[in-house]
Amino acid sequence: MRRHRVMLDGRELYAGAQWTHVQRFADALRARGQDAVAIRDETPRPPRVPRPRMTGLPPRGTPAGRV
């Protein structure tokens, strides 16, 4: 899971998985006059494992699969 952070004076005040929530928290601190910085988690995402298809069904995209 992602871990974006809000830092203030070298310490972590808030960590969250959703970037927009971290940005809003940092903006709220800045509105109060504190010098907060939102730091995005730049670690690469793990590759997604494809889920197995159900057997016995026609492939999606064929005319028989749209019925």
Protein backbone atom coordinates (compact mmCIF):
# COMPACT_ATOMS: atom_id res chain seq x y z
CA MET A 1 0.00 0.00 0.00
CA ARG A 2 1.17 3.53 -0.71
CA ARG A 3 2.45 5.69 2.14
CA HIS A 4 2.38 9.38 1.29
CA ARG A 5 3.48 11.66 4.11
CA VAL A 6 3.02 15.14 5.56
CA MET A 7 6.21 16.41 7.16
CA LEU A 8 6.62 19.36 9.52
CA ASP A 9 10.03 20.35 10.93
CA GLY A 10 11.56 16.98 10.10
CA ARG A 11 8.88 14.82 11.70
CA GLU A 12 6.02 12.92 10.14
CA LEU A 13 2.63 14.29 11.13
CA TYR A 14 0.39 12.26 8.86
CA ALA A 15 0.72 9.27 6.55
CA GLY A 16 -1.95 8.08 4.18
CA ALA A 17 -2.49 5.85 1.19
CA GLN A 18 -4.51 8.37 -0.81
CA TRP A 19 -2.52 11.27 -2.22
CA THR A 20 -5.42 13.73 -2.30
CA HIS A 21 -6.07 13.25 1.44
CA VAL A 22 -2.43 13.93 2.23
CA GLN A 23 -2.49 17.07 0.07
CA ARG A 24 -5.63 18.38 1.79
CA PHE A 25 -4.11 17.77 5.23
CA ALA A 26 -0.96 19.67 4.25
CA ASP A 27 -3.06 22.50 2.77
CA ALA A 28 -5.02 22.79 6.02
CA LEU A 29 -1.79 23.08 8.01
CA ARG A 30 -0.48 25.71 5.60
CA ALA A 31 -3.70 27.69 6.03
CA ARG A 32 -2.93 27.80 9.76
CA GLY A 33 0.49 29.25 9.03
CA GLN A 34 2.57 26.09 9.49
CA ASP A 35 5.16 25.11 6.92
CA ALA A 36 3.94 21.58 6.12
CA VAL A 37 5.21 19.61 3.12
CA ALA A 38 3.35 16.77 1.39
CA ILE A 39 5.72 14.05 0.15
CA ARG A 40 4.54 11.55 -2.42
CA ASP A 41 5.52 7.89 -2.09
CA GLU A 42 7.58 7.13 -5.21
CA THR A 43 8.21 3.41 -4.64
CA PRO A 44 7.17 1.40 -7.71
CA ARG A 45 3.88 -0.42 -7.46
CA PRO A 46 4.04 -4.21 -7.35
CA PRO A 47 2.91 -5.93 -10.55
CA ARG A 48 -0.70 -7.04 -10.57
CA VAL A 49 -1.36 -10.74 -10.80
CA PRO A 50 -3.93 -11.56 -13.51
CA ARG A 51 -6.99 -13.31 -12.16
CA PRO A 52 -7.88 -16.67 -13.69
CA ARG A 53 -10.77 -16.65 -16.14
CA MET A 54 -13.81 -18.75 -15.45
CA THR A 55 -13.77 -21.87 -17.60
CA GLY A 56 -16.61 -22.69 -19.92
CA LEU A 57 -17.34 -19.08 -20.91
CA PRO A 58 -16.60 -17.68 -24.38
CA PRO A 59 -13.86 -15.05 -24.52
CA ARG A 60 -14.97 -11.48 -24.07
CA GLY A 61 -15.16 -9.56 -27.32
CA THR A 62 -16.65 -12.33 -29.41
CA PRO A 63 -20.26 -12.07 -30.59
CA ALA A 64 -21.20 -15.08 -28.43
CA GLY A 65 -19.76 -13.30 -25.38
CA ARG A 66 -22.02 -10.24 -25.81
CA VAL A 67 -25.31 -12.12 -25.57
